[in-house]
Amino acid sequence: MSVQGKWNITIKTPIGDRSGVLDLIVDGENLSGSLSEGEHFAAITNGRIDGNKLTWSAKLTKPMRMSFKFSATVDAGHIQGSAKYLLGSATFSGGRAQ
């Protein structure tokens, strides 16, 4: 099963649900790409794949500087996981973009 491609996700944040696009690029066990939500964009760094489990980091610069550590699982066209950051964590889920 390939995780490469675009995923429409919903992130549950303390200020409400936010929709975004996760664009994943796979090279062996390495994962790169980006996460975008409206005017916000974050490049994926330190990404790894182990079976259907994914981990990566991302940094936002707007509206404030924040670093995130993501973990996720992919199963039959569905992705779900969590993002940890200094002030807590948020969960997200979604499916392949059509």
PDB file of N, CA and C in Angstrom:
ATOM      1  N   MET A   1       0.844  -1.171   0.000  1.00  0.00           N
ATOM      2  CA  MET A   1       0.000   0.000   0.000  1.00  0.00           C
ATOM      3  C   MET A   1       0.893   1.239   0.000  1.00  0.00           C
ATOM      4  N   SER A   2       0.636   2.136  -0.905  1.00  0.00           N
ATOM      5  CA  SER A   2       1.432   3.358  -0.987  1.00  0.00           C
ATOM      6  C   SER A   2       0.743   4.490  -0.234  1.00  0.00           C
ATOM      7  N   VAL A   3       1.523   5.223   0.520  1.00  0.00           N
ATOM      8  CA  VAL A   3       0.983   6.390   1.226  1.00  0.00           C
ATOM      9  C   VAL A   3       1.219   7.662   0.413  1.00  0.00           C
ATOM     10  N   GLN A   4       1.982   7.534  -0.679  1.00  0.00           N
ATOM     11  CA  GLN A   4       2.305   8.712  -1.477  1.00  0.00           C
ATOM     12  C   GLN A   4       1.049   9.320  -2.085  1.00  0.00           C
ATOM     13  N   GLY A   5       1.038  10.658  -2.136  1.00  0.00           N
ATOM     14  CA  GLY A   5      -0.069  11.369  -2.754  1.00  0.00           C
ATOM     15  C   GLY A   5      -0.664  12.406  -1.822  1.00  0.00           C
ATOM     16  N   LYS A   6      -1.787  12.964  -2.263  1.00  0.00           N
ATOM     17  CA  LYS A   6      -2.458  14.004  -1.488  1.00  0.00           C
ATOM     18  C   LYS A   6      -3.570  13.402  -0.638  1.00  0.00           C
ATOM     19  N   TRP A   7      -3.658  13.912   0.597  1.00  0.00           N
ATOM     20  CA  TRP A   7      -4.660  13.479   1.557  1.00  0.00           C
ATOM     21  C   TRP A   7      -5.403  14.707   2.071  1.00  0.00           C
ATOM     22  N   ASN A   8      -6.723  14.673   2.061  1.00  0.00           N
ATOM     23  CA  ASN A   8      -7.526  15.721   2.688  1.00  0.00           C
ATOM     24  C   ASN A   8      -7.710  15.336   4.147  1.00  0.00           C
ATOM     25  N   ILE A   9      -7.265  16.202   5.050  1.00  0.00           N
ATOM     26  CA  ILE A   9      -7.344  15.879   6.473  1.00  0.00           C
ATOM     27  C   ILE A   9      -8.090  16.967   7.242  1.00  0.00           C
ATOM     28  N   THR A  10      -8.603  16.586   8.398  1.00  0.00           N
ATOM     29  CA  THR A  10      -9.212  17.518   9.340  1.00  0.00           C
ATOM     30  C   THR A  10      -8.441  17.397  10.645  1.00  0.00           C
ATOM     31  N   ILE A  11      -7.927  18.532  11.119  1.00  0.00           N
ATOM     32  CA  ILE A  11      -7.167  18.577  12.366  1.00  0.00           C
ATOM     33  C   ILE A  11      -8.069  19.167  13.443  1.00  0.00           C
ATOM     34  N   LYS A  12      -8.205  18.453  14.558  1.00  0.00           N
ATOM     35  CA  LYS A  12      -9.025  18.922  15.674  1.00  0.00           C
ATOM     36  C   LYS A  12      -8.128  19.724  16.614  1.00  0.00           C
ATOM     37  N   THR A  13      -8.301  21.045  16.620  1.00  0.00           N
ATOM     38  CA  THR A  13      -7.470  21.931  17.436  1.00  0.00           C
ATOM     39  C   THR A  13      -8.302  22.506  18.575  1.00  0.00           C
ATOM     40  N   PRO A  14      -7.654  23.102  19.570  1.00  0.00           N
ATOM     41  CA  PRO A  14      -8.395  23.734  20.662  1.00  0.00           C
ATOM     42  C   PRO A  14      -9.306  24.875  20.180  1.00  0.00           C
ATOM     43  N   ILE A  15      -9.031  25.439  19.006  1.00  0.00           N
ATOM     44  CA  ILE A  15      -9.865  26.533  18.509  1.00  0.00           C
ATOM     45  C   ILE A  15     -10.818  26.067  17.406  1.00  0.00           C
ATOM     46  N   GLY A  16     -10.993  24.753  17.279  1.00  0.00           N
ATOM     47  CA  GLY A  16     -11.928  24.208  16.307  1.00  0.00           C
ATOM     48  C   GLY A  16     -11.247  23.366  15.247  1.00  0.00           C
ATOM     49  N   ASP A  17     -12.066  22.724  14.432  1.00  0.00           N
ATOM     50  CA  ASP A  17     -11.560  21.864  13.361  1.00  0.00           C
ATOM     51  C   ASP A  17     -10.993  22.704  12.233  1.00  0.00           C
ATOM     52  N   ARG A  18      -9.862  22.253  11.702  1.00  0.00           N
ATOM     53  CA  ARG A  18      -9.203  22.918  10.565  1.00  0.00           C
ATOM     54  C   ARG A  18      -8.988  21.890   9.468  1.00  0.00           C
ATOM     55  N   SER A  19      -9.328  22.252   8.244  1.00  0.00           N
ATOM     56  CA  SER A  19      -9.132  21.355   7.102  1.00  0.00           C
ATOM     57  C   SER A  19      -7.832  21.700   6.401  1.00  0.00           C
ATOM     58  N   GLY A  20      -7.145  20.681   5.929  1.00  0.00           N
ATOM     59  CA  GLY A  20      -5.881  20.903   5.235  1.00  0.00           C
ATOM     60  C   GLY A  20      -5.587  19.801   4.244  1.00  0.00           C
ATOM     61  N   VAL A  21      -4.470  19.964   3.550  1.00  0.00           N
ATOM     62  CA  VAL A  21      -4.013  18.971   2.580  1.00  0.00           C
ATOM     63  C   VAL A  21      -2.614  18.514   2.978  1.00  0.00           C
ATOM     64  N   LEU A  22      -2.472  17.221   3.098  1.00  0.00           N
ATOM     65  CA  LEU A  22      -1.193  16.589   3.390  1.00  0.00           C
ATOM     66  C   LEU A  22      -0.708  15.992   2.085  1.00  0.00           C
ATOM     67  N   ASP A  23       0.448  16.452   1.593  1.00  0.00           N
ATOM     68  CA  ASP A  23       1.016  15.967   0.335  1.00  0.00           C
ATOM     69  C   ASP A  23       2.266  15.162   0.674  1.00  0.00           C
ATOM     70  N   LEU A  24       2.180  13.848   0.527  1.00  0.00           N
ATOM     71  CA  LEU A  24       3.258  12.953   0.945  1.00  0.00           C
ATOM     72  C   LEU A  24       4.047  12.432  -0.249  1.00  0.00           C
ATOM     73  N   ILE A  25       5.372  12.455  -0.105  1.00  0.00           N
ATOM     74  CA  ILE A  25       6.288  11.933  -1.114  1.00  0.00           C
ATOM     75  C   ILE A  25       7.139  10.860  -0.435  1.00  0.00           C
ATOM     76  N   VAL A  26       7.164   9.681  -1.040  1.00  0.00           N
ATOM     77  CA  VAL A  26       7.868   8.536  -0.463  1.00  0.00           C
ATOM     78  C   VAL A  26       9.104   8.210  -1.287  1.00  0.00           C
ATOM     79  N   ASP A  27      10.218   7.976  -0.581  1.00  0.00           N
ATOM     80  CA  ASP A  27      11.455   7.525  -1.206  1.00  0.00           C
ATOM     81  C   ASP A  27      12.030   6.441  -0.297  1.00  0.00           C
ATOM     82  N   GLY A  28      11.688   5.185  -0.588  1.00  0.00           N
ATOM     83  CA  GLY A  28      12.108   4.091   0.288  1.00  0.00           C
ATOM     84  C   GLY A  28      11.404   4.203   1.630  1.00  0.00           C
ATOM     85  N   GLU A  29      12.182   4.345   2.702  1.00  0.00           N
ATOM     86  CA  GLU A  29      11.611   4.517   4.040  1.00  0.00           C
ATOM     87  C   GLU A  29      11.553   5.990   4.441  1.00  0.00           C
ATOM     88  N   ASN A  30      11.963   6.881   3.536  1.00  0.00           N
ATOM     89  CA  ASN A  30      11.961   8.317   3.817  1.00  0.00           C
ATOM     90  C   ASN A  30      10.667   8.951   3.335  1.00  0.00           C
ATOM     91  N   LEU A  31      10.197   9.910   4.115  1.00  0.00           N
ATOM     92  CA  LEU A  31       8.952  10.607   3.817  1.00  0.00           C
ATOM     93  C   LEU A  31       9.219  12.105   3.792  1.00  0.00           C
ATOM     94  N   SER A  32       8.735  12.773   2.757  1.00  0.00           N
ATOM     95  CA  SER A  32       8.829  14.232   2.673  1.00  0.00           C
ATOM     96  C   SER A  32       7.508  14.741   2.122  1.00  0.00           C
ATOM     97  N   GLY A  33       7.444  16.031   1.859  1.00  0.00           N
ATOM     98  CA  GLY A  33       6.214  16.620   1.331  1.00  0.00           C
ATOM     99  C   GLY A  33       5.854  17.882   2.074  1.00  0.00           C
ATOM    100  N   SER A  34       4.534  18.103   2.231  1.00  0.00           N
ATOM    101  CA  SER A  34       4.085  19.337   2.887  1.00  0.00           C
ATOM    102  C   SER A  34       2.707  19.166   3.490  1.00  0.00           C
ATOM    103  N   LEU A  35       2.395  20.090   4.376  1.00  0.00           N
ATOM    104  CA  LEU A  35       1.074  20.210   4.985  1.00  0.00           C
ATOM    105  C   LEU A  35       0.632  21.636   4.759  1.00  0.00           C
ATOM    106  N   SER A  36      -0.540  21.826   4.152  1.00  0.00           N
ATOM    107  CA  SER A  36      -1.038  23.176   3.930  1.00  0.00           C
ATOM    108  C   SER A  36      -2.471  23.287   4.428  1.00  0.00           C
ATOM    109  N   GLU A  37      -2.774  24.463   4.941  1.00  0.00           N
ATOM    110  CA  GLU A  37      -4.111  24.754   5.458  1.00  0.00           C
ATOM    111  C   GLU A  37      -4.362  26.228   5.186  1.00  0.00           C
ATOM    112  N   GLY A  38      -5.216  26.511   4.218  1.00  0.00           N
ATOM    113  CA  GLY A  38      -5.468  27.906   3.871  1.00  0.00           C
ATOM    114  C   GLY A  38      -4.179  28.584   3.445  1.00  0.00           C
ATOM    115  N   GLU A  39      -3.814  29.665   4.141  1.00  0.00           N
ATOM    116  CA  GLU A  39      -2.596  30.413   3.818  1.00  0.00           C
ATOM    117  C   GLU A  39      -1.359  29.861   4.523  1.00  0.00           C
ATOM    118  N   HIS A  40      -1.529  28.836   5.346  1.00  0.00           N
ATOM    119  CA  HIS A  40      -0.420  28.268   6.105  1.00  0.00           C
ATOM    120  C   HIS A  40       0.181  27.077   5.364  1.00  0.00           C
ATOM    121  N   PHE A  41       1.523  26.975   5.409  1.00  0.00           N
ATOM    122  CA  PHE A  41       2.250  25.928   4.723  1.00  0.00           C
ATOM    123  C   PHE A  41       3.410  25.478   5.598  1.00  0.00           C
ATOM    124  N   ALA A  42       3.615  24.178   5.688  1.00  0.00           N
ATOM    125  CA  ALA A  42       4.753  23.648   6.443  1.00  0.00           C
ATOM    126  C   ALA A  42       5.357  22.481   5.667  1.00  0.00           C
ATOM    127  N   ALA A  43       6.669  22.523   5.464  1.00  0.00           N
ATOM    128  CA  ALA A  43       7.377  21.418   4.825  1.00  0.00           C
ATOM    129  C   ALA A  43       7.544  20.282   5.827  1.00  0.00           C
ATOM    130  N   ILE A  44       7.439  19.064   5.338  1.00  0.00           N
ATOM    131  CA  ILE A  44       7.665  17.880   6.166  1.00  0.00           C
ATOM    132  C   ILE A  44       9.169  17.606   6.211  1.00  0.00           C
ATOM    133  N   THR A  45       9.682  17.401   7.424  1.00  0.00           N
ATOM    134  CA  THR A  45      11.094  17.065   7.609  1.00  0.00           C
ATOM    135  C   THR A  45      11.202  15.812   8.473  1.00  0.00           C
ATOM    136  N   ASN A  46      12.341  15.167   8.418  1.00  0.00           N
ATOM    137  CA  ASN A  46      12.621  13.983   9.249  1.00  0.00           C
ATOM    138  C   ASN A  46      11.539  12.919   9.137  1.00  0.00           C
ATOM    139  N   GLY A  47      10.946  12.767   7.964  1.00  0.00           N
ATOM    140  CA  GLY A  47       9.864  11.805   7.778  1.00  0.00           C
ATOM    141  C   GLY A  47      10.369  10.390   7.596  1.00  0.00           C
ATOM    142  N   ARG A  48       9.661   9.449   8.208  1.00  0.00           N
ATOM    143  CA  ARG A  48      10.011   8.026   8.114  1.00  0.00           C
ATOM    144  C   ARG A  48       8.736   7.203   7.939  1.00  0.00           C
ATOM    145  N   ILE A  49       8.891   6.058   7.254  1.00  0.00           N
ATOM    146  CA  ILE A  49       7.796   5.112   7.065  1.00  0.00           C
ATOM    147  C   ILE A  49       8.250   3.759   7.581  1.00  0.00           C
ATOM    148  N   ASP A  50       7.384   3.114   8.355  1.00  0.00           N
ATOM    149  CA  ASP A  50       7.631   1.754   8.834  1.00  0.00           C
ATOM    150  C   ASP A  50       6.317   0.985   8.667  1.00  0.00           C
ATOM    151  N   GLY A  51       6.188   0.261   7.560  1.00  0.00           N
ATOM    152  CA  GLY A  51       4.922  -0.420   7.262  1.00  0.00           C
ATOM    153  C   GLY A  51       3.836   0.604   6.976  1.00  0.00           C
ATOM    154  N   ASN A  52       2.770   0.582   7.790  1.00  0.00           N
ATOM    155  CA  ASN A  52       1.699   1.567   7.622  1.00  0.00           C
ATOM    156  C   ASN A  52       1.794   2.693   8.648  1.00  0.00           C
ATOM    157  N   LYS A  53       2.927   2.773   9.351  1.00  0.00           N
ATOM    158  CA  LYS A  53       3.141   3.819  10.360  1.00  0.00           C
ATOM    159  C   LYS A  53       4.058   4.909   9.810  1.00  0.00           C
ATOM    160  N   LEU A  54       3.677   6.156  10.027  1.00  0.00           N
ATOM    161  CA  LEU A  54       4.421   7.311   9.543  1.00  0.00           C
ATOM    162  C   LEU A  54       4.780   8.222  10.704  1.00  0.00           C
ATOM    163  N   THR A  55       5.961   8.845  10.616  1.00  0.00           N
ATOM    164  CA  THR A  55       6.340   9.897  11.569  1.00  0.00           C
ATOM    165  C   THR A  55       7.023  11.005  10.786  1.00  0.00           C
ATOM    166  N   TRP A  56       6.828  12.251  11.222  1.00  0.00           N
ATOM    167  CA  TRP A  56       7.496  13.381  10.594  1.00  0.00           C
ATOM    168  C   TRP A  56       7.403  14.597  11.497  1.00  0.00           C
ATOM    169  N   SER A  57       8.193  15.605  11.165  1.00  0.00           N
ATOM    170  CA  SER A  57       8.187  16.887  11.868  1.00  0.00           C
ATOM    171  C   SER A  57       7.777  17.974  10.888  1.00  0.00           C
ATOM    172  N   ALA A  58       7.281  19.080  11.436  1.00  0.00           N
ATOM    173  CA  ALA A  58       6.925  20.242  10.617  1.00  0.00           C
ATOM    174  C   ALA A  58       6.991  21.480  11.494  1.00  0.00           C
ATOM    175  N   LYS A  59       7.329  22.618  10.877  1.00  0.00           N
ATOM    176  CA  LYS A  59       7.397  23.892  11.594  1.00  0.00           C
ATOM    177  C   LYS A  59       6.536  24.915  10.880  1.00  0.00           C
ATOM    178  N   LEU A  60       5.699  25.593  11.653  1.00  0.00           N
ATOM    179  CA  LEU A  60       4.915  26.713  11.138  1.00  0.00           C
ATOM    180  C   LEU A  60       5.603  28.005  11.528  1.00  0.00           C
ATOM    181  N   THR A  61       5.493  29.004  10.687  1.00  0.00           N
ATOM    182  CA  THR A  61       6.028  30.327  11.029  1.00  0.00           C
ATOM    183  C   THR A  61       4.909  31.349  11.196  1.00  0.00           C
ATOM    184  N   LYS A  62       3.712  31.042  10.639  1.00  0.00           N
ATOM    185  CA  LYS A  62       2.560  31.933  10.789  1.00  0.00           C
ATOM    186  C   LYS A  62       1.369  31.110  11.253  1.00  0.00           C
ATOM    187  N   PRO A  63       0.486  31.565  12.062  1.00  0.00           N
ATOM    188  CA  PRO A  63       0.445  32.899  12.666  1.00  0.00           C
ATOM    189  C   PRO A  63       1.450  33.070  13.797  1.00  0.00           C
ATOM    190  N   MET A  64       2.042  31.939  14.262  1.00  0.00           N
ATOM    191  CA  MET A  64       3.122  32.008  15.250  1.00  0.00           C
ATOM    192  C   MET A  64       4.078  30.861  14.972  1.00  0.00           C
ATOM    193  N   ARG A  65       5.274  30.959  15.507  1.00  0.00           N
ATOM    194  CA  ARG A  65       6.254  29.888  15.312  1.00  0.00           C
ATOM    195  C   ARG A  65       5.899  28.709  16.216  1.00  0.00           C
ATOM    196  N   MET A  66       5.725  27.549  15.586  1.00  0.00           N
ATOM    197  CA  MET A  66       5.418  26.337  16.341  1.00  0.00           C
ATOM    198  C   MET A  66       6.044  25.143  15.634  1.00  0.00           C
ATOM    199  N   SER A  67       6.580  24.216  16.420  1.00  0.00           N
ATOM    200  CA  SER A  67       7.137  22.975  15.892  1.00  0.00           C
ATOM    201  C   SER A  67       6.222  21.822  16.278  1.00  0.00           C
ATOM    202  N   PHE A  68       6.024  20.893  15.357  1.00  0.00           N
ATOM    203  CA  PHE A  68       5.140  19.753  15.568  1.00  0.00           C
ATOM    204  C   PHE A  68       5.878  18.459  15.297  1.00  0.00           C
ATOM    205  N   LYS A  69       5.497  17.404  16.001  1.00  0.00           N
ATOM    206  CA  LYS A  69       5.947  16.044  15.719  1.00  0.00           C
ATOM    207  C   LYS A  69       4.686  15.223  15.459  1.00  0.00           C
ATOM    208  N   PHE A  70       4.590  14.703  14.242  1.00  0.00           N
ATOM    209  CA  PHE A  70       3.414  13.957  13.816  1.00  0.00           C
ATOM    210  C   PHE A  70       3.675  12.460  13.851  1.00  0.00           C
ATOM    211  N   SER A  71       2.636  11.711  14.144  1.00  0.00           N
ATOM    212  CA  SER A  71       2.651  10.257  13.959  1.00  0.00           C
ATOM    213  C   SER A  71       1.292   9.887  13.381  1.00  0.00           C
ATOM    214  N   ALA A  72       1.285   8.905  12.483  1.00  0.00           N
ATOM    215  CA  ALA A  72       0.042   8.532  11.818  1.00  0.00           C
ATOM    216  C   ALA A  72       0.092   7.084  11.371  1.00  0.00           C
ATOM    217  N   THR A  73      -1.088   6.542  11.115  1.00  0.00           N
ATOM    218  CA  THR A  73      -1.210   5.234  10.481  1.00  0.00           C
ATOM    219  C   THR A  73      -2.117   5.384   9.257  1.00  0.00           C
ATOM    220  N   VAL A  74      -1.829   4.581   8.256  1.00  0.00           N
ATOM    221  CA  VAL A  74      -2.618   4.581   7.024  1.00  0.00           C
ATOM    222  C   VAL A  74      -3.218   3.196   6.877  1.00  0.00           C
ATOM    223  N   ASP A  75      -4.531   3.158   6.551  1.00  0.00           N
ATOM    224  CA  ASP A  75      -5.211   1.885   6.370  1.00  0.00           C
ATOM    225  C   ASP A  75      -6.325   2.058   5.337  1.00  0.00           C
ATOM    226  N   ALA A  76      -6.190   1.373   4.209  1.00  0.00           N
ATOM    227  CA  ALA A  76      -7.234   1.336   3.170  1.00  0.00           C
ATOM    228  C   ALA A  76      -7.752   2.723   2.788  1.00  0.00           C
ATOM    229  N   GLY A  77      -6.862   3.611   2.423  1.00  0.00           N
ATOM    230  CA  GLY A  77      -7.280   4.933   1.958  1.00  0.00           C
ATOM    231  C   GLY A  77      -7.683   5.895   3.055  1.00  0.00           C
ATOM    232  N   HIS A  78      -7.397   5.563   4.310  1.00  0.00           N
ATOM    233  CA  HIS A  78      -7.711   6.430   5.446  1.00  0.00           C
ATOM    234  C   HIS A  78      -6.435   6.685   6.240  1.00  0.00           C
ATOM    235  N   ILE A  79      -6.257   7.913   6.694  1.00  0.00           N
ATOM    236  CA  ILE A  79      -5.109   8.265   7.522  1.00  0.00           C
ATOM    237  C   ILE A  79      -5.615   8.875   8.822  1.00  0.00           C
ATOM    238  N   GLN A  80      -4.954   8.547   9.919  1.00  0.00           N
ATOM    239  CA  GLN A  80      -5.284   9.161  11.203  1.00  0.00           C
ATOM    240  C   GLN A  80      -4.041   9.215  12.067  1.00  0.00           C
ATOM    241  N   GLY A  81      -4.010  10.202  12.950  1.00  0.00           N
ATOM    242  CA  GLY A  81      -2.835  10.325  13.799  1.00  0.00           C
ATOM    243  C   GLY A  81      -2.941  11.495  14.742  1.00  0.00           C
ATOM    244  N   SER A  82      -1.774  11.922  15.234  1.00  0.00           N
ATOM    245  CA  SER A  82      -1.720  13.033  16.179  1.00  0.00           C
ATOM    246  C   SER A  82      -0.510  13.909  15.890  1.00  0.00           C
ATOM    247  N   ALA A  83      -0.625  15.134  16.348  1.00  0.00           N
ATOM    248  CA  ALA A  83       0.450  16.114  16.223  1.00  0.00           C
ATOM    249  C   ALA A  83       0.738  16.645  17.616  1.00  0.00           C
ATOM    250  N   LYS A  84       1.964  16.470  18.082  1.00  0.00           N
ATOM    251  CA  LYS A  84       2.363  16.977  19.397  1.00  0.00           C
ATOM    252  C   LYS A  84       3.132  18.267  19.221  1.00  0.00           C
ATOM    253  N   TYR A  85       2.864  19.225  20.096  1.00  0.00           N
ATOM    254  CA  TYR A  85       3.555  20.506  20.069  1.00  0.00           C
ATOM    255  C   TYR A  85       3.728  20.988  21.499  1.00  0.00           C
ATOM    256  N   LEU A  86       4.439  22.080  21.687  1.00  0.00           N
ATOM    257  CA  LEU A  86       4.804  22.556  23.013  1.00  0.00           C
ATOM    258  C   LEU A  86       3.606  22.696  23.951  1.00  0.00           C
ATOM    259  N   LEU A  87       2.473  23.157  23.446  1.00  0.00           N
ATOM    260  CA  LEU A  87       1.308  23.424  24.290  1.00  0.00           C
ATOM    261  C   LEU A  87       0.344  22.254  24.415  1.00  0.00           C
ATOM    262  N   GLY A  88       0.618  21.131  23.764  1.00  0.00           N
ATOM    263  CA  GLY A  88      -0.289  19.992  23.862  1.00  0.00           C
ATOM    264  C   GLY A  88      -0.236  19.118  22.626  1.00  0.00           C
ATOM    265  N   SER A  89      -1.406  18.647  22.229  1.00  0.00           N
ATOM    266  CA  SER A  89      -1.476  17.798  21.043  1.00  0.00           C
ATOM    267  C   SER A  89      -2.833  17.966  20.374  1.00  0.00           C
ATOM    268  N   ALA A  90      -2.895  17.544  19.128  1.00  0.00           N
ATOM    269  CA  ALA A  90      -4.126  17.579  18.346  1.00  0.00           C
ATOM    270  C   ALA A  90      -4.197  16.291  17.541  1.00  0.00           C
ATOM    271  N   THR A  91      -5.413  15.819  17.270  1.00  0.00           N
ATOM    272  CA  THR A  91      -5.573  14.640  16.444  1.00  0.00           C
ATOM    273  C   THR A  91      -6.029  15.061  15.052  1.00  0.00           C
ATOM    274  N   PHE A  92      -5.796  14.180  14.076  1.00  0.00           N
ATOM    275  CA  PHE A  92      -6.249  14.450  12.729  1.00  0.00           C
ATOM    276  C   PHE A  92      -6.648  13.157  12.053  1.00  0.00           C
ATOM    277  N   SER A  93      -7.477  13.260  11.027  1.00  0.00           N
ATOM    278  CA  SER A  93      -7.875  12.104  10.241  1.00  0.00           C
ATOM    279  C   SER A  93      -8.311  12.591   8.867  1.00  0.00           C
ATOM    280  N   GLY A  94      -8.368  11.672   7.923  1.00  0.00           N
ATOM    281  CA  GLY A  94      -8.790  12.048   6.587  1.00  0.00           C
ATOM    282  C   GLY A  94      -8.656  10.902   5.612  1.00  0.00           C
ATOM    283  N   GLY A  95      -8.848  11.246   4.337  1.00  0.00           N
ATOM    284  CA  GLY A  95      -8.787  10.258   3.274  1.00  0.00           C
ATOM    285  C   GLY A  95      -8.048  10.801   2.076  1.00  0.00           C
ATOM    286  N   ARG A  96      -7.821   9.929   1.115  1.00  0.00           N
ATOM    287  CA  ARG A  96      -7.127  10.327  -0.109  1.00  0.00           C
ATOM    288  C   ARG A  96      -7.910  11.413  -0.838  1.00  0.00           C
ATOM    289  N   ALA A  97      -7.187  12.388  -1.374  1.00  0.00           N
ATOM    290  CA  ALA A  97      -7.807  13.434  -2.199  1.00  0.00           C
ATOM    291  C   ALA A  97      -8.159  12.810  -3.539  1.00  0.00           C
ATOM    292  N   GLN A  98      -9.283  13.189  -4.084  1.00  0.00           N
ATOM    293  CA  GLN A  98      -9.734  12.654  -5.368  1.00  0.00           C
ATOM    294  C   GLN A  98      -9.135  13.416  -6.512  1.00  0.00           C
TER     295      GLN A  98
END
